[in-house]
């Protein structure tokens, strides 16, 4: 079980760093009139565990802050991730013992 926790922590850190970087890269591309990262890709990376990195990227780079879709979905994904993490913690460390 310890290995699973370490792998989950590495995945979470990695996907959040990737999400943060994607928001920064897309902001750069938008300012320099280059091919952009799709909104779908930005939302999917947040949905699959990168909600913290996406939220940080959104506010650090001031990117997608006026889009209602992002202002609603990113915090919603974050709350879902908190709930899933809490449920997993409870199941693995409280209930299963």
Foldseek 3Di string as FASTA:
>chain_A
DVVVVVVVVVVLVVLQVVLLVLLVVQLVCVVVVHDHDDPVVSLVSLLVRNLVSNVCSCVVSVGCPPPPCCVPRSVVSVVVVVVVVVVVCCVPPPVVD
